[in-house]
Amino acid sequence: MPVAASAVYFLNLRGDVLINRLYRDDVGGNMVDAFRTHIMQTKELGTCPVRQIGGCSFFYMRISNVYIVIVVSNNANVACAFKFVVEAVALFRSYFGGSFDEDAIRNNFVLIYELLDEIMDFGYPQNLSPEILKLYITQEGVRSPFSSKVRQQTLLLVVTSYHEVRAQIDKLLCFSLHYLDVNVEKMECITCILPNMSRALSQAKLPSLGWLVRSHPTSSLFLVDKAWVLPMPTDRPVPNATLQVTGAVGWRREGLVYKKNEVFLDIVESVNLLMSSKGSVLRCDVTGKILMKCFLSGMPDLKLGLNDKIGLEKEAQLKSRPTKSGKTIELDDVTFHQCVNLTRFNSEKTVSFVPPDGEFELMKYRITEGVNLPFKVLPTIKELGRSRIEVNVKVKSVFGAKMFALGVVVKIPVPKQTAKTNFTVTSGRAKYNASIDCLVWKIRKFPGQTESTLSAEVELISTTTEKKSWTRPPIQMEFQVPMFTASGLRVRFLKVWEKSGYNTVEWVRYITKAGSYEIRC
C-alpha cells in the first residue's frame, strides 16, 4: 500500500512553517497546530516518529535543523513515507549544492514548490530521480558560498592563445570535477573560447564579494576552481525529454561526452558492536553501501563482481568448474538502485547496470557473520571507596600493520560527581568533558597491529547522603579506517562496455567507520 499524503510541512526547530503543500482536501490547514501542541511542546520529538492525532497520522523526520512532517488521513505505508522523505531530501540537496537546512529552504522556496508539484501527485510519490527532473526543471538553486579552502586554491589563468585556454581547461576541469566535487551540473560542454578571451581574462578582477568578472560582452564566463570556462546556454529545450522520462533507462540521458572516462567506487561500511567487559561479543553486524561516481560517455553497460558467496558459486556453476579458494561473504538485506538489472541478478547473481551520470548509491547491504573487528578494547575500572576511581583502558588495533585509523575517539564514562582527573596516555590526548560525563581520549592516527593505553585517576565529590550506585554506561568509540572492510567485502572486477569501445579508468576505495561501537565496563 503506497503512501497517500494529504499534506507535507517543513518546520524549523521553533515550529514555524517554512513551506507547506496540501495535496488533498481531507485535512484542514491547521493540522500543523496539532503537531506543535501534541508533539513539539510535549518534548516527544525524540521518541516514536509516527503519531496518530485526531484521526490523522503524522510521520516526521528531522534533517539538520528542519522537521519534515507528512500528514496522512487514512492507513498508509510508513516505510514508503519515510523513503519518500529521504529521496526528496537527496533531490533537494542535488539542486542546492549539497546543503539542506532552514537557510537553504528560505533561499529556494520557489524551486521547492516547483519540485513538490512534480514529485507528488494527489499525495502519491512520483519520479524523484534528480537526473530526470533536471531535464525539465532547469532552475538552479541558491548555493552556499565557496569555502575558504576553495577560495585560497582559486587563481586566475592569464593565457595568450586559444589552444592554451583549451588545454588548461581540459586539464583543470577534470581535476575539479573528480576530486574537489565542484558543482558544474549545468555546464554540459564547452562550446567555444573566443580568440580575444585572453584580453578579457587579463583585465578580469576578483572582488572581495562574489565571483564577478568583466569579460567579453557576448560571453557568459564562469569560474570552476582554477579555470574560466564558457558553458552552453541552460535555457535551451532538452531533446526527447519526455521519451527519456518514460523510457527503459530513464535515469540516464543520451549524448553524454567526457574527455576522460572514469569510474569512482567507494565501499563504505559501519561497524556496530556491543561487547561485554570480559571481551565476549554480544551483538555485532556491519551495514555497508557502495557509492559510485561515473563520468562515462554514451550509454555504457557495467558489470560489478564481488567476493560474495552466492555470486562466486553461481559463476563456478555457469563455467562448470569448482569455486576458487578464498574468503567469501554472505550478504544480507541487499537493496539495489533502480538501475540494476534484477533479472540478470536473479539468474546470474551478477550486478549489471547502466549507471546514472554523476554520483549515486548503487547498493546497500548488511552482514551479521564473519565480521572482522578493527579494534579490541579492554577496560578495567575500579571503584576505591566513594571518593576515587581508577580507570585503565587498553585499545588494540587488529587490522593490518600497513594500515592506520584516523580520528579515533574513545569516550569513557565517569560518575556525575567527578571533581578532578589525572591522565596518563601512551598516545594521543585525553581530557574530561563535564557536559557528557566522559573522559574523551583522542588519537589522530592509530597504526595497525599496535596498542595504546590510558590510565586515569578520578576523584569524586564526597557527599554525606546515600546515593544510588553508578550504573557504568558503556565505552563508546569513533574511528575511520581507510582501505579496510570489516565484512571482508572486496571488488573482484568492474567491467565497462560501450559501443564506441573507449578505455576507462576505475578507482576503488574502501572505508570502515564506527557505527554504534560500545564496550561494557
Protein backbone atom coordinates (compact mmCIF):
# COMPACT_ATOMS: atom_id res chain seq x y z
CA MET A 1 0.00 0.00 0.00
CA PRO A 2 1.65 3.29 -1.07
CA VAL A 3 1.56 6.46 0.96
CA ALA A 4 -1.27 8.88 0.15
CA ALA A 5 -0.10 12.09 1.77
CA SER A 6 -2.68 14.74 2.50
CA ALA A 7 -0.12 17.42 3.36
CA VAL A 8 3.63 17.97 3.69
CA TYR A 9 5.11 20.52 6.10
CA PHE A 10 8.63 21.85 6.52
CA LEU A 11 9.14 23.30 10.02
CA ASN A 12 12.12 24.81 11.79
CA LEU A 13 13.11 23.88 15.33
CA ARG A 14 10.75 26.51 16.78
CA GLY A 15 7.79 25.03 14.92
CA ASP A 16 7.45 27.83 12.37
CA VAL A 17 6.17 26.71 8.96
CA LEU A 18 8.80 27.27 6.29
CA ILE A 19 6.91 25.59 3.43
CA ASN A 20 3.75 23.52 3.26
CA ARG A 21 1.87 21.80 0.45
CA LEU A 22 -1.70 20.47 0.68
CA TYR A 23 -2.35 17.61 -1.74
CA ARG A 24 -5.83 16.60 -0.56
CA ASP A 25 -8.79 18.35 1.00
CA ASP A 26 -9.42 15.69 3.67
CA VAL A 27 -7.35 17.54 6.28
CA GLY A 28 -7.56 21.10 7.49
CA GLY A 29 -4.90 23.73 7.21
CA ASN A 30 -4.48 23.78 10.98
CA MET A 31 -3.06 20.25 11.23
CA VAL A 32 0.37 21.72 11.88
CA ASP A 33 -1.01 23.22 15.11
CA ALA A 34 -1.84 19.72 16.33
CA PHE A 35 1.73 18.66 15.60
CA ARG A 36 3.13 21.57 17.61
CA THR A 37 0.75 21.05 20.53
CA HIS A 38 0.85 17.27 20.90
CA ILE A 39 4.41 16.53 19.81
CA MET A 40 6.76 19.53 19.84
CA GLN A 41 5.53 21.15 23.04
CA THR A 42 5.40 17.83 24.91
CA LYS A 43 9.09 17.10 24.16
CA GLU A 44 8.25 13.85 22.34
CA LEU A 45 10.22 14.57 19.18
CA GLY A 46 12.95 12.14 20.16
CA THR A 47 10.57 9.20 20.62
CA CYS A 48 8.48 7.38 18.03
CA PRO A 49 8.48 9.22 14.65
CA VAL A 50 4.89 8.14 13.98
CA ARG A 51 1.97 9.60 15.91
CA GLN A 52 -1.80 9.48 15.45
CA ILE A 53 -3.67 12.62 16.49
CA GLY A 54 -7.35 13.27 15.87
CA GLY A 55 -7.75 10.51 13.28
CA CYS A 56 -4.69 11.60 11.27
CA SER A 57 -1.25 10.03 11.22
CA PHE A 58 1.87 12.20 11.46
CA PHE A 59 5.17 10.90 10.04
CA TYR A 60 8.05 13.21 10.86
CA MET A 61 11.83 13.24 10.45
CA ARG A 62 14.48 15.76 11.42
CA ILE A 63 17.05 16.70 8.78
CA SER A 64 19.63 19.21 10.02
CA ASN A 65 17.57 21.99 11.66
CA VAL A 66 14.37 21.20 9.73
CA TYR A 67 11.45 18.89 10.54
CA ILE A 68 9.69 17.30 7.56
CA VAL A 69 6.15 16.25 8.51
CA ILE A 70 3.81 14.14 6.36
CA VAL A 71 0.13 14.13 7.34
CA VAL A 72 -1.99 11.15 6.27
CA SER A 73 -5.73 10.83 6.92
CA ASN A 74 -6.02 7.10 6.18
CA ASN A 75 -3.97 3.95 6.55
CA ALA A 76 -0.62 4.29 4.77
CA ASN A 77 2.70 2.54 4.29
CA VAL A 78 5.06 4.02 6.90
CA ALA A 79 8.22 2.75 5.19
CA CYS A 80 7.10 4.30 1.90
CA ALA A 81 6.52 7.64 3.63
CA PHE A 82 10.00 7.79 5.13
CA LYS A 83 11.53 6.54 1.90
CA PHE A 84 9.87 9.47 0.15
CA VAL A 85 11.34 11.90 2.69
CA VAL A 86 14.86 10.52 2.28
CA GLU A 87 14.74 10.64 -1.52
CA ALA A 88 13.15 14.10 -1.52
CA VAL A 89 15.94 15.46 0.68
CA ALA A 90 18.54 13.90 -1.63
CA LEU A 91 16.80 15.60 -4.55
CA PHE A 92 16.80 19.00 -2.82
CA ARG A 93 20.47 18.65 -1.96
CA SER A 94 21.33 17.91 -5.58
CA TYR A 95 19.72 21.23 -6.54
CA PHE A 96 21.14 23.21 -3.58
CA GLY A 97 24.74 22.09 -3.93
CA GLY A 98 24.68 19.51 -1.13
CA SER A 99 23.11 21.59 1.66
CA PHE A 100 19.64 21.23 3.15
CA ASP A 101 18.74 23.37 6.15
CA GLU A 102 16.49 26.28 7.09
CA ASP A 103 18.56 28.81 5.16
CA ALA A 104 18.57 26.65 2.03
CA ILE A 105 14.77 26.35 2.18
CA ARG A 106 14.27 30.10 2.62
CA ASN A 107 16.62 30.84 -0.28
CA ASN A 108 14.99 28.31 -2.61
CA PHE A 109 11.31 28.22 -1.64
CA VAL A 110 10.11 28.86 -5.21
CA LEU A 111 12.17 25.95 -6.53
CA ILE A 112 10.98 23.69 -3.69
CA TYR A 113 7.33 24.40 -4.51
CA GLU A 114 8.00 23.54 -8.14
CA LEU A 115 9.69 20.29 -7.14
CA LEU A 116 6.92 19.35 -4.70
CA ASP A 117 4.40 19.65 -7.53
CA GLU A 118 6.48 17.29 -9.66
CA ILE A 119 7.47 14.60 -7.15
CA MET A 120 4.00 14.04 -5.68
CA ASP A 121 0.62 13.89 -7.43
CA PHE A 122 -2.54 13.88 -5.29
CA GLY A 123 -0.44 12.61 -2.41
CA TYR A 124 1.20 9.75 -4.32
CA PRO A 125 5.00 9.85 -4.85
CA GLN A 126 6.14 10.12 -8.44
CA ASN A 127 9.58 10.35 -10.03
CA LEU A 128 12.21 11.60 -7.57
CA SER A 129 15.26 10.99 -9.76
CA PRO A 130 17.49 14.11 -9.89
CA GLU A 131 18.83 13.08 -13.29
CA ILE A 132 15.33 13.11 -14.80
CA LEU A 133 13.90 16.14 -13.03
CA LYS A 134 16.85 18.29 -14.05
CA LEU A 135 15.92 17.73 -17.69
CA TYR A 136 12.82 19.91 -17.45
CA ILE A 137 13.28 21.76 -14.14
CA THR A 138 16.46 23.55 -15.13
CA GLN A 139 16.33 26.25 -12.47
CA GLU A 140 19.40 26.14 -10.26
CA GLY A 141 19.12 26.57 -6.50
CA VAL A 142 20.91 29.22 -4.48
CA ARG A 143 24.07 27.56 -3.30
CA SER A 144 26.23 28.17 -0.26
CA PRO A 145 29.26 30.45 -0.72
CA PHE A 146 32.57 28.87 -1.63
CA SER A 147 34.55 27.60 1.31
CA SER A 148 37.69 29.43 2.33
CA LYS A 149 39.74 26.39 1.30
CA VAL A 150 38.49 26.56 -2.28
CA ARG A 151 38.94 30.37 -2.33
CA GLN A 152 42.57 30.02 -1.33
CA GLN A 153 43.14 27.46 -4.07
CA THR A 154 41.49 29.58 -6.78
CA LEU A 155 43.61 31.66 -9.11
CA LEU A 156 43.12 33.46 -12.39
CA LEU A 157 44.64 31.97 -15.52
CA VAL A 158 46.03 34.60 -17.91
CA VAL A 159 46.67 32.97 -21.26
CA THR A 160 47.63 34.22 -24.68
CA SER A 161 46.13 31.77 -27.14
CA TYR A 162 43.03 29.73 -27.79
CA HIS A 163 44.93 26.43 -27.62
CA GLU A 164 46.43 27.26 -24.23
CA VAL A 165 42.98 28.11 -22.85
CA ARG A 166 41.52 24.85 -24.11
CA ALA A 167 44.42 22.76 -22.80
CA GLN A 168 44.27 24.33 -19.35
CA ILE A 169 40.51 23.91 -19.14
CA ASP A 170 40.63 20.27 -20.23
CA LYS A 171 43.24 19.57 -17.57
CA LEU A 172 41.85 21.55 -14.66
CA LEU A 173 38.17 20.90 -15.27
CA CYS A 174 38.66 17.14 -14.91
CA PHE A 175 40.55 17.72 -11.67
CA SER A 176 37.81 19.95 -10.31
CA LEU A 177 35.01 17.57 -11.20
CA HIS A 178 36.57 14.40 -9.88
CA TYR A 179 38.49 15.47 -6.81
CA LEU A 180 37.10 18.73 -5.45
CA ASP A 181 33.41 17.98 -6.12
CA VAL A 182 32.86 21.45 -7.56
CA ASN A 183 29.28 21.52 -8.78
CA VAL A 184 29.10 22.22 -12.51
CA GLU A 185 25.92 20.32 -13.31
CA LYS A 186 24.61 22.97 -15.69
CA MET A 187 27.80 23.04 -17.73
CA GLU A 188 27.30 20.30 -20.30
CA CYS A 189 30.17 21.12 -22.59
CA ILE A 190 32.38 24.00 -23.67
CA THR A 191 31.10 25.40 -26.92
CA CYS A 192 33.77 27.89 -27.78
CA ILE A 193 36.54 30.07 -26.43
CA LEU A 194 36.76 33.45 -28.09
CA PRO A 195 40.17 34.17 -29.64
CA ASN A 196 40.34 37.52 -27.83
CA MET A 197 39.39 35.99 -24.48
CA SER A 198 42.95 36.41 -23.21
CA ARG A 199 42.45 40.18 -23.22
CA ALA A 200 39.27 39.84 -21.19
CA LEU A 201 40.95 37.45 -18.79
CA SER A 202 43.89 39.75 -18.26
CA GLN A 203 41.50 42.58 -17.37
CA ALA A 204 39.37 40.43 -15.04
CA LYS A 205 39.38 41.14 -11.33
CA LEU A 206 38.14 39.16 -8.36
CA PRO A 207 36.31 41.47 -5.94
CA SER A 208 36.00 40.55 -2.30
CA LEU A 209 32.29 39.70 -2.57
CA GLY A 210 31.27 37.06 -5.08
CA TRP A 211 32.92 35.79 -8.21
CA LEU A 212 32.47 38.68 -10.63
CA VAL A 213 34.37 39.15 -13.84
CA ARG A 214 34.48 41.73 -16.61
CA SER A 215 34.59 39.54 -19.70
CA HIS A 216 33.62 39.73 -23.33
CA PRO A 217 30.14 41.32 -23.63
CA THR A 218 28.75 38.40 -25.65
CA SER A 219 30.10 35.66 -23.41
CA SER A 220 28.95 34.11 -20.16
CA LEU A 221 32.10 33.33 -18.21
CA PHE A 222 32.10 31.12 -15.11
CA LEU A 223 34.87 30.17 -12.69
CA VAL A 224 35.29 26.45 -11.99
CA ASP A 225 38.02 26.08 -9.35
CA LYS A 226 41.08 27.12 -11.38
CA ALA A 227 39.63 27.57 -14.88
CA TRP A 228 37.44 30.10 -16.63
CA VAL A 229 35.00 28.30 -18.93
CA LEU A 230 32.21 29.26 -21.28
CA PRO A 231 29.19 26.97 -20.70
CA MET A 232 26.35 26.10 -23.01
CA PRO A 233 23.12 28.08 -22.54
CA THR A 234 20.96 26.37 -19.91
CA ASP A 235 17.56 27.55 -21.11
CA ARG A 236 17.53 25.65 -24.40
CA PRO A 237 14.96 22.85 -24.79
CA VAL A 238 16.08 19.32 -23.93
CA PRO A 239 15.56 16.93 -26.85
CA ASN A 240 13.36 13.89 -26.19
CA ALA A 241 12.90 14.78 -22.51
CA THR A 242 9.52 13.05 -22.32
CA LEU A 243 10.88 9.94 -24.02
CA GLN A 244 13.73 9.78 -21.56
CA VAL A 245 11.47 10.13 -18.51
CA THR A 246 9.25 7.25 -19.65
CA GLY A 247 11.97 5.15 -21.31
CA ALA A 248 13.64 1.97 -20.14
CA VAL A 249 16.72 3.89 -18.97
CA GLY A 250 15.06 6.95 -17.56
CA TRP A 251 17.83 7.69 -15.07
CA ARG A 252 20.43 8.46 -17.75
CA ARG A 253 20.22 10.82 -20.68
CA GLU A 254 21.84 10.23 -24.03
CA GLY A 255 24.60 12.23 -25.62
CA LEU A 256 26.97 12.45 -22.65
CA VAL A 257 30.57 13.03 -23.66
CA TYR A 258 33.63 13.12 -21.41
CA LYS A 259 37.21 13.69 -22.43
CA LYS A 260 38.37 11.23 -19.76
CA ASN A 261 36.10 8.32 -18.87
CA GLU A 262 36.40 7.44 -15.20
CA VAL A 263 34.50 5.46 -12.56
CA PHE A 264 34.95 6.04 -8.83
CA LEU A 265 33.68 3.31 -6.50
CA ASP A 266 33.57 3.63 -2.70
CA ILE A 267 32.68 0.83 -0.32
CA VAL A 268 31.68 2.45 2.98
CA GLU A 269 30.93 0.25 5.98
CA SER A 270 29.77 0.98 9.53
CA VAL A 271 30.57 -1.49 12.30
CA ASN A 272 28.01 -1.94 15.07
CA LEU A 273 29.28 -3.72 18.18
CA LEU A 274 28.21 -4.43 21.73
CA MET A 275 30.93 -6.21 23.73
CA SER A 276 30.92 -7.35 27.34
CA SER A 277 33.51 -6.21 29.87
CA LYS A 278 35.18 -9.64 29.59
CA GLY A 279 35.68 -9.32 25.83
CA SER A 280 32.87 -11.53 24.53
CA VAL A 281 30.81 -10.22 21.61
CA LEU A 282 27.14 -9.77 22.49
CA ARG A 283 25.99 -8.22 19.22
CA CYS A 284 27.84 -7.41 16.03
CA ASP A 285 26.92 -6.54 12.46
CA VAL A 286 28.08 -4.43 9.54
CA THR A 287 25.94 -2.11 7.43
CA GLY A 288 27.51 -1.08 4.17
CA LYS A 289 26.83 0.78 0.97
CA ILE A 290 28.52 1.01 -2.40
CA LEU A 291 28.74 4.56 -3.73
CA MET A 292 29.66 5.31 -7.32
CA LYS A 293 30.58 8.39 -9.25
CA CYS A 294 30.51 7.84 -13.01
CA PHE A 295 31.89 10.14 -15.69
CA LEU A 296 31.31 7.96 -18.74
CA SER A 297 30.39 8.84 -22.30
CA GLY A 298 27.46 7.34 -24.15
CA MET A 299 25.29 4.55 -22.70
CA PRO A 300 27.75 2.15 -21.03
CA ASP A 301 26.87 -1.22 -19.51
CA LEU A 302 28.73 -2.01 -16.29
CA LYS A 303 29.24 -5.31 -14.52
CA LEU A 304 30.44 -5.48 -10.92
CA GLY A 305 31.89 -8.62 -9.35
CA LEU A 306 32.20 -9.05 -5.58
CA ASN A 307 33.55 -11.86 -3.43
CA ASP A 308 30.10 -12.77 -2.14
CA LYS A 309 29.43 -16.47 -1.68
CA ILE A 310 26.33 -16.74 -3.86
CA GLY A 311 27.89 -14.88 -6.77
CA LEU A 312 31.05 -16.98 -6.78
CA GLU A 313 29.12 -20.24 -6.56
CA LYS A 314 26.84 -19.20 -9.42
CA GLU A 315 29.81 -18.16 -11.56
CA ALA A 316 31.52 -21.50 -10.94
CA GLN A 317 28.29 -23.33 -11.80
CA LEU A 318 27.88 -21.49 -15.10
CA LYS A 319 31.51 -22.14 -16.05
CA SER A 320 31.39 -25.79 -14.87
CA ARG A 321 34.41 -25.51 -12.63
CA PRO A 322 35.00 -25.59 -8.87
CA THR A 323 34.86 -22.41 -6.82
CA LYS A 324 38.21 -20.75 -6.29
CA SER A 325 39.60 -20.83 -2.79
CA GLY A 326 39.49 -17.59 -0.83
CA LYS A 327 37.33 -15.77 1.62
CA THR A 328 33.70 -15.38 0.65
CA ILE A 329 30.99 -13.48 2.49
CA GLU A 330 27.25 -13.77 2.75
CA LEU A 331 25.34 -10.57 2.10
CA ASP A 332 22.09 -9.97 3.98
CA ASP A 333 19.30 -7.48 3.30
CA VAL A 334 20.63 -6.30 -0.07
CA THR A 335 18.97 -3.25 -1.64
CA PHE A 336 19.83 -2.10 -5.18
CA HIS A 337 19.50 1.13 -7.10
CA GLN A 338 16.81 1.09 -9.78
CA CYS A 339 19.48 0.93 -12.50
CA VAL A 340 20.49 -2.65 -11.53
CA ASN A 341 19.18 -5.39 -13.80
CA LEU A 342 17.35 -7.59 -11.29
CA THR A 343 16.53 -10.27 -13.87
CA ARG A 344 20.20 -10.85 -14.57
CA PHE A 345 20.99 -10.73 -10.87
CA ASN A 346 18.41 -13.44 -10.13
CA SER A 347 19.72 -15.69 -12.89
CA GLU A 348 23.47 -14.99 -12.87
CA LYS A 349 23.96 -13.36 -9.45
CA THR A 350 25.95 -10.53 -11.01
CA VAL A 351 25.38 -6.81 -10.55
CA SER A 352 24.83 -5.45 -14.07
CA PHE A 353 23.59 -1.92 -14.69
CA VAL A 354 23.56 1.17 -16.86
CA PRO A 355 24.70 3.84 -14.38
CA PRO A 356 23.25 7.30 -13.88
CA ASP A 357 25.56 10.18 -14.64
CA GLY A 358 27.41 11.51 -11.62
CA GLU A 359 27.15 10.28 -8.05
CA PHE A 360 24.65 7.69 -6.81
CA GLU A 361 24.25 4.83 -4.32
CA LEU A 362 24.48 1.51 -6.15
CA MET A 363 23.51 -0.84 -3.32
CA LYS A 364 23.17 -1.29 0.43
CA TYR A 365 23.77 -4.45 2.40
CA ARG A 366 24.14 -5.89 5.89
CA ILE A 367 26.41 -8.65 7.21
CA THR A 368 25.97 -10.46 10.52
CA GLU A 369 28.59 -13.23 10.33
CA GLY A 370 32.35 -13.26 9.94
CA VAL A 371 32.84 -9.63 10.98
CA ASN A 372 36.47 -8.51 11.38
CA LEU A 373 36.54 -6.09 14.30
CA PRO A 374 39.10 -3.31 13.71
CA PHE A 375 39.66 -2.64 17.43
CA LYS A 376 39.67 -4.56 20.68
CA VAL A 377 39.06 -2.62 23.88
CA LEU A 378 39.96 -4.00 27.31
CA PRO A 379 38.65 -1.74 30.10
CA THR A 380 39.38 -2.04 33.81
CA ILE A 381 37.53 0.27 36.18
CA LYS A 382 37.95 0.01 39.94
CA GLU A 383 35.89 1.93 42.47
CA LEU A 384 38.07 2.68 45.50
CA GLY A 385 35.54 3.69 48.09
CA ARG A 386 33.16 6.54 47.40
CA SER A 387 35.69 9.21 46.51
CA ARG A 388 38.08 7.69 43.96
CA ILE A 389 38.02 5.60 40.78
CA GLU A 390 40.91 4.08 38.86
CA VAL A 391 40.46 3.71 35.09
CA ASN A 392 42.67 1.67 32.79
CA VAL A 393 41.68 1.22 29.14
CA LYS A 394 43.77 -0.63 26.56
CA VAL A 395 42.90 -0.26 22.87
CA LYS A 396 44.47 -2.60 20.32
CA SER A 397 44.19 -2.33 16.54
CA VAL A 398 43.80 -5.72 14.88
CA PHE A 399 43.89 -4.67 11.21
CA GLY A 400 47.00 -4.86 9.02
CA ALA A 401 50.26 -3.27 10.11
CA LYS A 402 50.43 -1.22 6.90
CA MET A 403 47.03 0.34 7.59
CA PHE A 404 46.04 3.04 10.04
CA ALA A 405 42.91 4.51 11.57
CA LEU A 406 42.06 8.20 11.59
CA GLY A 407 40.10 10.28 14.07
CA VAL A 408 39.99 7.68 16.83
CA VAL A 409 37.90 8.87 19.79
CA VAL A 410 37.28 6.81 22.94
CA LYS A 411 34.62 8.08 25.34
CA ILE A 412 34.97 6.59 28.82
CA PRO A 413 32.06 7.36 31.16
CA VAL A 414 32.65 8.60 34.72
CA PRO A 415 30.22 9.50 37.54
CA LYS A 416 28.49 12.88 37.52
CA GLN A 417 30.11 13.90 40.82
CA THR A 418 33.60 13.90 39.28
CA ALA A 419 35.74 16.66 40.80
CA LYS A 420 39.27 16.06 39.48
CA THR A 421 41.02 13.83 36.95
CA ASN A 422 44.64 12.89 36.26
CA PHE A 423 45.62 11.24 32.95
CA THR A 424 48.46 9.19 31.54
CA VAL A 425 48.25 8.13 27.88
CA THR A 426 50.77 6.37 25.66
CA SER A 427 49.49 8.19 22.56
CA GLY A 428 47.04 10.93 21.73
CA ARG A 429 45.42 13.35 24.17
CA ALA A 430 42.75 12.99 26.82
CA LYS A 431 40.55 15.38 28.77
CA TYR A 432 37.48 15.36 30.97
CA ASN A 433 34.24 16.60 29.39
CA ALA A 434 31.80 17.52 32.14
CA SER A 435 28.91 18.11 29.73
CA ILE A 436 28.74 14.43 28.77
CA ASP A 437 30.36 12.97 31.94
CA CYS A 438 33.11 11.26 29.98
CA LEU A 439 36.85 11.07 29.65
CA VAL A 440 37.45 11.84 25.98
CA TRP A 441 40.58 10.22 24.55
CA LYS A 442 41.54 11.30 21.03
CA ILE A 443 44.18 9.70 18.82
CA ARG A 444 44.70 11.39 15.49
CA LYS A 445 46.41 8.45 13.74
CA PHE A 446 46.34 4.87 15.06
CA PRO A 447 48.65 2.40 13.21
CA GLY A 448 47.64 -1.21 12.73
CA GLN A 449 48.86 -4.03 15.00
CA THR A 450 49.63 -1.60 17.82
CA GLU A 451 48.07 -0.80 21.15
CA SER A 452 47.62 2.29 23.29
CA THR A 453 46.76 2.63 26.95
CA LEU A 454 45.00 5.24 29.05
CA SER A 455 45.36 5.34 32.82
CA ALA A 456 43.39 7.81 34.88
CA GLU A 457 42.58 8.60 38.48
CA VAL A 458 39.18 10.16 39.07
CA GLU A 459 38.41 11.95 42.31
CA LEU A 460 34.76 12.31 43.26
CA ILE A 461 32.92 14.85 45.35
CA SER A 462 32.31 13.28 48.74
CA THR A 463 28.72 13.52 49.93
CA THR A 464 27.10 12.60 53.21
CA THR A 465 23.82 11.49 51.69
CA GLU A 466 23.44 7.98 50.34
CA LYS A 467 23.22 7.88 46.55
CA LYS A 468 22.42 5.21 44.03
CA SER A 469 25.27 3.09 42.74
CA TRP A 470 26.90 4.12 39.48
CA THR A 471 25.37 2.26 36.52
CA ARG A 472 28.57 2.28 34.41
CA PRO A 473 27.43 3.20 30.88
CA PRO A 474 29.36 1.52 28.04
CA ILE A 475 32.53 2.90 26.49
CA GLN A 476 31.97 4.34 23.02
CA MET A 477 34.39 4.53 20.10
CA GLU A 478 34.61 6.58 16.93
CA PHE A 479 37.07 5.87 14.13
CA GLN A 480 37.64 5.64 10.41
CA VAL A 481 39.91 3.06 8.78
CA PRO A 482 40.74 3.63 5.09
CA MET A 483 41.30 0.65 2.77
CA PHE A 484 39.78 -1.80 5.26
CA THR A 485 36.42 -3.56 5.30
CA ALA A 486 35.11 -5.20 8.44
CA SER A 487 32.97 -7.54 6.35
CA GLY A 488 35.84 -8.64 4.11
CA LEU A 489 33.98 -7.47 1.01
CA ARG A 490 36.23 -6.96 -2.00
CA VAL A 491 35.70 -5.86 -5.58
CA ARG A 492 36.85 -8.66 -7.88
CA PHE A 493 36.26 -6.79 -11.12
CA LEU A 494 34.47 -3.82 -12.62
CA LYS A 495 33.91 -4.10 -16.36
CA VAL A 496 32.65 -1.36 -18.66
CA TRP A 497 31.20 -2.00 -22.13
CA GLU A 498 30.25 0.76 -24.56
CA LYS A 499 29.70 0.51 -28.30
CA SER A 500 32.41 3.08 -29.07
CA GLY A 501 34.97 0.90 -27.27
CA TYR A 502 36.70 3.64 -25.27
CA ASN A 503 39.07 2.90 -22.40
CA THR A 504 38.07 3.68 -18.83
CA VAL A 505 39.91 4.28 -15.58
CA GLU A 506 38.44 2.64 -12.48
CA TRP A 507 39.15 3.80 -8.93
CA VAL A 508 38.16 1.71 -5.88
CA ARG A 509 38.30 2.86 -2.27
CA TYR A 510 37.35 1.11 0.99
CA ILE A 511 36.37 2.89 4.21
CA THR A 512 35.26 1.39 7.53
CA LYS A 513 33.93 3.62 10.28
CA ALA A 514 32.29 3.16 13.65
CA GLY A 515 28.55 2.89 13.90
CA SER A 516 27.36 2.04 17.40
CA TYR A 517 30.66 0.69 18.77
CA GLU A 518 30.18 0.08 22.50
CA ILE A 519 32.08 -1.88 25.13
CA ARG A 520 30.59 -2.51 28.54
CA CYS A 521 32.74 -1.76 31.54
